[in-house]
Amino acid sequence: MIKIKITNLEDIKNEYLSKLSKKKFNRKKGNGIHNHWIDNRNRIISATPIDFQNIVNEFNAQNQSGFDKFNIYMEGQYEELFYNQKVGYWLAEKLDIRTCPYCNRHYTFTIEKKKTKAADEKIIKPQFDHFYPKSKHPYLALSFYNLIPSCPTCNKVKRDEEISINPYWEDFQENNCKFVLKDKNISRPAIIDKNNIEVGFNFEREKNIKRAKHKCEDNIDVFGLRELYNKHTDYVEEIIDKAQAYNSTYYDSLIQSFRGLGATPEQIDRYVWGNYTEIDEQFKRPLSKLTRDVLEQLGIK
């Protein structure tokens, strides 16, 4: 789980709100929950993740008799805006999230293939997961910070599951959750035999009192991150091999060589390790958080 770090995020949100303000949303006679959303939609659409639980409580306090019809209505509004009016393409392009923030395993580029004689115009973009599932919380179906650009795999796996960490607000790094290499035979952090490497997670055991569970564990379990990342042990082995091959003297000589080409230390690290290693750049390439955490465990970062 990596954070969506965009300096002009509030500007994008305001532009998104402006686009939605051009859409006419009709009131429904006798449907209190529907009309409550209509009357408060700008506040709800622009709400921050920290406000979401209060909005959930607010709508739970409404008369629920019109919920099913309201749910169908909001599903239709989402489909109309995000697909027919291509707001989803516009938003994905504006956010320019290059890898899935949930798993950091897949690229999520946004492109538009022009219409040709053989094929119609086609848009390729990340899917938008609803952090609070729209089937349970339709009043958040269009809320900006509830729309998480994600890979198709994560969006499909999560479905109506609810997790604890919203990548617009925080990530594993801020919750002291890191990848750690373990030896399968002894089930503790160690690098002894590359054939026995197991990828796990290490975090401070700050648990939610009610659930006796670290908040990162929701995301790890729902997306199957333990199982998925153990399919990448070959990648980890390459990092270990490079760490052993690139001794300090050789690494220093590389730095001097690349500096002659005008490369920054960050760029040199990317050339050596094949990935971005700075926290603020983890969204640029898959497996970037794994790379940095393994390098930290090896004493390199």
Protein backbone atom coordinates (compact mmCIF):
# COMPACT_ATOMS: atom_id res chain seq x y z
CA MET A 1 0.00 0.00 0.00
CA ILE A 2 1.53 3.26 -1.14
CA LYS A 3 0.19 6.77 -0.71
CA ILE A 4 -1.29 8.84 -3.52
CA LYS A 5 1.03 11.83 -3.30
CA ILE A 6 0.01 14.60 -5.68
CA THR A 7 0.84 18.21 -4.90
CA ASN A 8 -2.23 19.65 -6.67
CA LEU A 9 -4.71 17.08 -5.38
CA GLU A 10 -7.07 19.70 -3.96
CA ASP A 11 -7.09 21.53 -7.31
CA ILE A 12 -8.05 18.29 -9.06
CA LYS A 13 -10.80 17.71 -6.50
CA ASN A 14 -12.19 21.20 -7.06
CA GLU A 15 -12.13 20.70 -10.83
CA TYR A 16 -13.89 17.35 -10.37
CA LEU A 17 -16.54 19.02 -8.22
CA SER A 18 -16.98 21.68 -10.90
CA LYS A 19 -17.56 18.98 -13.53
CA LEU A 20 -20.18 17.27 -11.40
CA SER A 21 -21.94 20.56 -10.65
CA LYS A 22 -22.93 20.71 -14.34
CA LYS A 23 -24.87 17.46 -13.91
CA LYS A 24 -28.51 17.78 -12.87
CA PHE A 25 -29.41 15.61 -9.90
CA ASN A 26 -33.16 15.35 -9.33
CA ARG A 27 -34.94 15.10 -6.00
CA LYS A 28 -37.29 12.17 -5.38
CA LYS A 29 -40.57 12.84 -3.65
CA GLY A 30 -40.90 10.89 -0.42
CA ASN A 31 -37.34 9.50 -0.47
CA GLY A 32 -35.61 11.15 2.48
CA ILE A 33 -32.21 9.49 2.08
CA HIS A 34 -32.11 10.45 -1.62
CA ASN A 35 -33.08 14.05 -0.98
CA HIS A 36 -30.63 14.37 1.90
CA TRP A 37 -27.83 13.49 -0.50
CA ILE A 38 -29.14 15.96 -3.12
CA ASP A 39 -29.21 18.77 -0.54
CA ASN A 40 -25.70 17.99 0.74
CA ARG A 41 -24.00 16.57 -2.33
CA ASN A 42 -21.23 19.17 -2.71
CA ARG A 43 -20.16 18.69 0.90
CA ILE A 44 -20.28 14.90 0.55
CA ILE A 45 -18.52 14.80 -2.83
CA SER A 46 -15.64 16.93 -1.54
CA ALA A 47 -15.41 15.33 1.94
CA THR A 48 -12.00 14.09 3.11
CA PRO A 49 -11.42 10.49 4.27
CA ILE A 50 -11.44 11.63 7.87
CA ASP A 51 -15.04 12.82 7.36
CA PHE A 52 -16.36 9.58 5.86
CA GLN A 53 -17.33 7.82 9.08
CA ASN A 54 -19.35 10.85 10.17
CA ILE A 55 -21.15 10.79 6.80
CA VAL A 56 -21.85 7.08 7.24
CA ASN A 57 -23.36 7.80 10.67
CA GLU A 58 -25.30 10.71 9.20
CA PHE A 59 -26.94 8.51 6.55
CA ASN A 60 -27.52 5.63 8.94
CA ALA A 61 -29.64 8.06 10.95
CA GLN A 62 -31.86 8.74 7.93
CA ASN A 63 -35.08 6.89 7.14
CA GLN A 64 -33.84 3.83 5.21
CA SER A 65 -37.11 3.02 3.44
CA GLY A 66 -35.86 4.52 0.15
CA PHE A 67 -32.36 3.02 0.33
CA ASP A 68 -32.73 0.43 -2.46
CA LYS A 69 -34.08 2.95 -4.98
CA PHE A 70 -31.41 5.46 -3.98
CA ASN A 71 -28.77 2.76 -4.44
CA ILE A 72 -29.97 2.09 -7.99
CA TYR A 73 -30.07 5.82 -8.71
CA MET A 74 -26.48 6.40 -7.54
CA GLU A 75 -25.24 3.39 -9.50
CA GLY A 76 -26.78 4.95 -12.59
CA GLN A 77 -25.23 8.36 -11.89
CA TYR A 78 -21.79 6.80 -11.47
CA GLU A 79 -22.12 4.83 -14.72
CA GLU A 80 -23.35 7.89 -16.62
CA LEU A 81 -20.61 10.19 -15.39
CA PHE A 82 -17.62 7.85 -15.32
CA TYR A 83 -18.29 5.95 -18.53
CA ASN A 84 -20.76 7.75 -20.79
CA GLN A 85 -19.37 11.21 -20.02
CA LYS A 86 -15.79 9.91 -19.60
CA VAL A 87 -15.23 11.61 -16.25
CA GLY A 88 -13.40 8.44 -15.21
CA TYR A 89 -10.92 8.83 -18.06
CA TRP A 90 -10.44 12.52 -17.26
CA LEU A 91 -9.86 11.81 -13.55
CA ALA A 92 -7.46 8.93 -14.18
CA GLU A 93 -5.45 11.09 -16.57
CA LYS A 94 -5.38 13.99 -14.11
CA LEU A 95 -4.26 11.84 -11.17
CA ASP A 96 -1.60 10.11 -13.32
CA ILE A 97 -1.14 7.26 -10.84
CA ARG A 98 1.34 4.93 -12.53
CA THR A 99 1.01 1.92 -10.24
CA CYS A 100 -1.83 0.51 -8.19
CA PRO A 101 -1.65 2.07 -4.70
CA TYR A 102 -3.26 -1.00 -3.13
CA CYS A 103 -0.72 -3.60 -4.28
CA ASN A 104 2.11 -1.66 -5.99
CA ARG A 105 2.42 -4.64 -8.37
CA HIS A 106 0.73 -3.44 -11.57
CA TYR A 107 1.08 -0.42 -13.81
CA THR A 108 -2.04 1.74 -14.12
CA PHE A 109 -1.31 3.96 -17.11
CA THR A 110 -4.07 5.94 -18.80
CA ILE A 111 -4.16 6.09 -22.60
CA GLU A 112 -6.71 6.65 -25.31
CA LYS A 113 -6.45 4.57 -28.48
CA LYS A 114 -7.80 6.55 -31.40
CA LYS A 115 -10.55 5.20 -33.60
CA THR A 116 -9.32 3.36 -36.69
CA LYS A 117 -11.04 1.58 -39.55
CA ALA A 118 -10.57 -1.72 -37.76
CA ALA A 119 -11.55 -0.68 -34.25
CA ASP A 120 -13.47 1.91 -32.30
CA GLU A 121 -11.86 4.35 -29.90
CA LYS A 122 -10.73 2.58 -26.77
CA ILE A 123 -9.75 3.97 -23.39
CA ILE A 124 -7.27 2.14 -21.18
CA LYS A 125 -7.21 3.40 -17.62
CA PRO A 126 -7.14 2.18 -14.02
CA GLN A 127 -10.42 1.09 -12.52
CA PHE A 128 -11.86 3.06 -9.62
CA ASP A 129 -12.41 1.15 -6.44
CA HIS A 130 -14.86 2.61 -3.96
CA PHE A 131 -13.01 2.62 -0.65
CA TYR A 132 -16.39 2.54 1.06
CA PRO A 133 -18.25 0.12 -1.26
CA LYS A 134 -20.98 1.91 -3.20
CA SER A 135 -23.33 -1.06 -2.77
CA LYS A 136 -23.32 -0.44 1.00
CA HIS A 137 -22.70 3.31 0.97
CA PRO A 138 -24.21 4.71 -2.26
CA TYR A 139 -24.08 8.25 -0.86
CA LEU A 140 -20.27 8.05 -1.23
CA ALA A 141 -20.40 6.69 -4.80
CA LEU A 142 -19.21 10.01 -6.29
CA SER A 143 -17.09 11.26 -3.38
CA PHE A 144 -13.66 12.24 -4.69
CA TYR A 145 -11.57 10.69 -1.92
CA ASN A 146 -13.65 7.50 -2.02
CA LEU A 147 -12.54 6.82 -5.61
CA ILE A 148 -9.24 4.91 -5.55
CA PRO A 149 -7.51 4.38 -8.93
CA SER A 150 -6.53 0.73 -8.82
CA CYS A 151 -5.59 -2.24 -10.96
CA PRO A 152 -8.41 -4.57 -12.12
CA THR A 153 -7.11 -7.37 -9.87
CA CYS A 154 -7.32 -5.33 -6.65
CA ASN A 155 -10.66 -3.80 -7.61
CA LYS A 156 -12.13 -7.25 -8.27
CA VAL A 157 -10.65 -8.85 -5.16
CA LYS A 158 -11.78 -6.09 -2.81
CA ARG A 159 -15.34 -5.77 -4.14
CA ASP A 160 -17.51 -5.04 -1.07
CA GLU A 161 -14.78 -5.66 1.51
CA GLU A 162 -13.97 -2.77 3.83
CA ILE A 163 -10.36 -1.98 4.71
CA SER A 164 -8.68 0.45 7.09
CA ILE A 165 -6.12 2.42 5.08
CA ASN A 166 -7.22 4.92 2.42
CA PRO A 167 -4.22 5.67 0.16
CA TYR A 168 -5.30 9.29 -0.27
CA TRP A 169 -4.77 9.71 3.45
CA GLU A 170 -2.03 7.33 4.58
CA ASP A 171 -0.05 4.24 3.62
CA PHE A 172 1.96 1.35 5.04
CA GLN A 173 5.02 3.57 5.47
CA GLU A 174 3.18 5.93 7.80
CA ASN A 175 1.91 2.97 9.80
CA ASN A 176 5.40 1.49 10.24
CA CYS A 177 4.54 -1.50 8.06
CA LYS A 178 7.40 -2.81 5.93
CA PHE A 179 8.26 -5.85 3.87
CA VAL A 180 10.69 -8.16 5.60
CA LEU A 181 12.60 -11.18 4.31
CA LYS A 182 12.40 -14.28 6.46
CA ASP A 183 13.89 -17.75 6.33
CA LYS A 184 11.11 -20.30 5.78
CA ASN A 185 12.78 -22.79 8.08
CA ILE A 186 12.96 -20.53 11.12
CA SER A 187 10.15 -18.04 10.37
CA ARG A 188 12.05 -14.98 11.46
CA PRO A 189 13.90 -12.16 9.68
CA ALA A 190 17.08 -13.57 8.20
CA ILE A 191 18.86 -13.98 4.91
CA ILE A 192 20.58 -17.33 5.04
CA ASP A 193 19.61 -19.33 2.02
CA LYS A 194 18.08 -17.73 -1.06
CA ASN A 195 16.19 -20.96 -1.74
CA ASN A 196 14.31 -20.52 1.54
CA ILE A 197 13.31 -16.87 1.26
CA GLU A 198 9.86 -15.91 2.45
CA VAL A 199 8.46 -12.39 2.00
CA GLY A 200 6.50 -11.18 5.01
CA PHE A 201 5.51 -7.99 6.77
CA ASN A 202 6.87 -6.38 9.88
CA PHE A 203 5.00 -3.68 11.79
CA GLU A 204 4.76 -2.30 15.26
CA ARG A 205 1.99 -4.13 17.00
CA GLU A 206 -0.19 -1.10 17.64
CA LYS A 207 -3.57 -2.81 17.67
CA ASN A 208 -7.08 -1.51 17.48
CA ILE A 209 -8.47 -2.28 20.95
CA LYS A 210 -11.84 -3.44 19.64
CA ARG A 211 -10.42 -5.67 16.92
CA ALA A 212 -7.02 -6.62 18.39
CA LYS A 213 -5.54 -6.18 14.94
CA HIS A 214 -3.04 -3.83 13.33
CA LYS A 215 -4.80 -1.64 10.74
CA CYS A 216 -2.41 -2.73 7.96
CA GLU A 217 -3.56 -6.34 8.33
CA ASP A 218 -6.92 -5.57 6.72
CA ASN A 219 -5.24 -4.49 3.51
CA ILE A 220 -2.71 -7.34 3.62
CA ASP A 221 -5.41 -9.97 4.08
CA VAL A 222 -8.04 -8.59 1.67
CA PHE A 223 -5.59 -8.16 -1.22
CA GLY A 224 -3.66 -11.36 -0.45
CA LEU A 225 -0.39 -9.42 -0.33
CA ARG A 226 1.54 -12.08 1.59
CA GLU A 227 0.71 -14.73 -0.98
CA LEU A 228 1.19 -12.45 -3.98
CA TYR A 229 4.55 -11.06 -2.92
CA ASN A 230 5.90 -14.53 -2.31
CA LYS A 231 5.56 -14.99 -6.08
CA HIS A 232 8.25 -12.31 -6.43
CA THR A 233 11.10 -14.12 -4.65
CA ASP A 234 13.10 -14.19 -7.91
CA TYR A 235 13.04 -10.39 -7.89
CA VAL A 236 14.21 -10.38 -4.27
CA GLU A 237 17.02 -12.79 -5.13
CA GLU A 238 18.27 -10.36 -7.79
CA ILE A 239 18.38 -7.55 -5.23
CA ILE A 240 20.39 -9.75 -2.87
CA ASP A 241 22.80 -10.72 -5.64
CA LYS A 242 23.31 -7.07 -6.60
CA ALA A 243 23.84 -6.11 -2.96
CA GLN A 244 26.59 -8.72 -2.70
CA ALA A 245 28.16 -7.80 -6.05
CA TYR A 246 28.04 -4.04 -5.63
CA ASN A 247 30.50 -3.63 -2.78
CA SER A 248 31.11 -0.14 -1.47
CA THR A 249 34.19 0.47 -3.65
CA TYR A 250 32.40 -0.56 -6.84
CA TYR A 251 29.30 1.42 -5.88
CA ASP A 252 31.38 4.53 -5.25
CA SER A 253 32.99 4.16 -8.67
CA LEU A 254 29.53 3.90 -10.26
CA ILE A 255 28.50 7.10 -8.53
CA GLN A 256 31.53 8.90 -9.87
CA SER A 257 30.92 7.58 -13.40
CA PHE A 258 27.23 8.50 -13.48
CA ARG A 259 27.88 11.91 -11.94
CA GLY A 260 30.00 12.65 -14.97
CA LEU A 261 26.80 12.18 -16.97
CA GLY A 262 24.93 14.59 -14.72
CA ALA A 263 22.94 11.89 -12.88
CA THR A 264 21.60 12.55 -9.37
CA PRO A 265 22.15 10.08 -6.49
CA GLU A 266 18.48 9.06 -6.80
CA GLN A 267 18.90 8.32 -10.51
CA ILE A 268 22.04 6.31 -9.83
CA ASP A 269 20.16 4.20 -7.28
CA ARG A 270 17.46 3.58 -9.88
CA TYR A 271 20.05 2.48 -12.45
CA VAL A 272 21.65 0.10 -9.96
CA TRP A 273 18.54 -1.42 -8.38
CA GLY A 274 16.20 -1.16 -11.35
CA ASN A 275 13.57 0.73 -9.39
CA TYR A 276 12.72 3.95 -7.59
CA THR A 277 13.95 3.83 -4.00
CA GLU A 278 12.77 7.19 -2.69
CA ILE A 279 9.49 7.09 -0.74
CA ASP A 280 7.96 10.00 -2.66
CA GLU A 281 8.57 8.22 -5.97
CA GLN A 282 7.15 4.80 -5.11
CA PHE A 283 4.06 5.40 -7.26
CA LYS A 284 6.21 5.48 -10.41
CA ARG A 285 7.09 1.79 -10.75
CA PRO A 286 5.74 -1.56 -9.48
CA LEU A 287 7.52 -3.28 -6.57
CA SER A 288 9.17 -0.02 -5.50
CA LYS A 289 8.20 -0.34 -1.83
CA LEU A 290 9.42 -3.94 -1.74
CA THR A 291 12.73 -2.78 -3.25
CA ARG A 292 13.27 -0.03 -0.69
CA ASP A 293 12.30 -2.19 2.29
CA VAL A 294 14.59 -5.03 1.24
CA LEU A 295 17.47 -2.58 0.74
CA GLU A 296 16.82 -1.21 4.23
CA GLN A 297 16.92 -4.71 5.67
CA LEU A 298 20.22 -5.31 3.84
CA GLY A 299 21.58 -2.11 5.41
CA ILE A 300 21.92 -0.29 2.09
CA LYS A 301 19.22 2.41 2.31
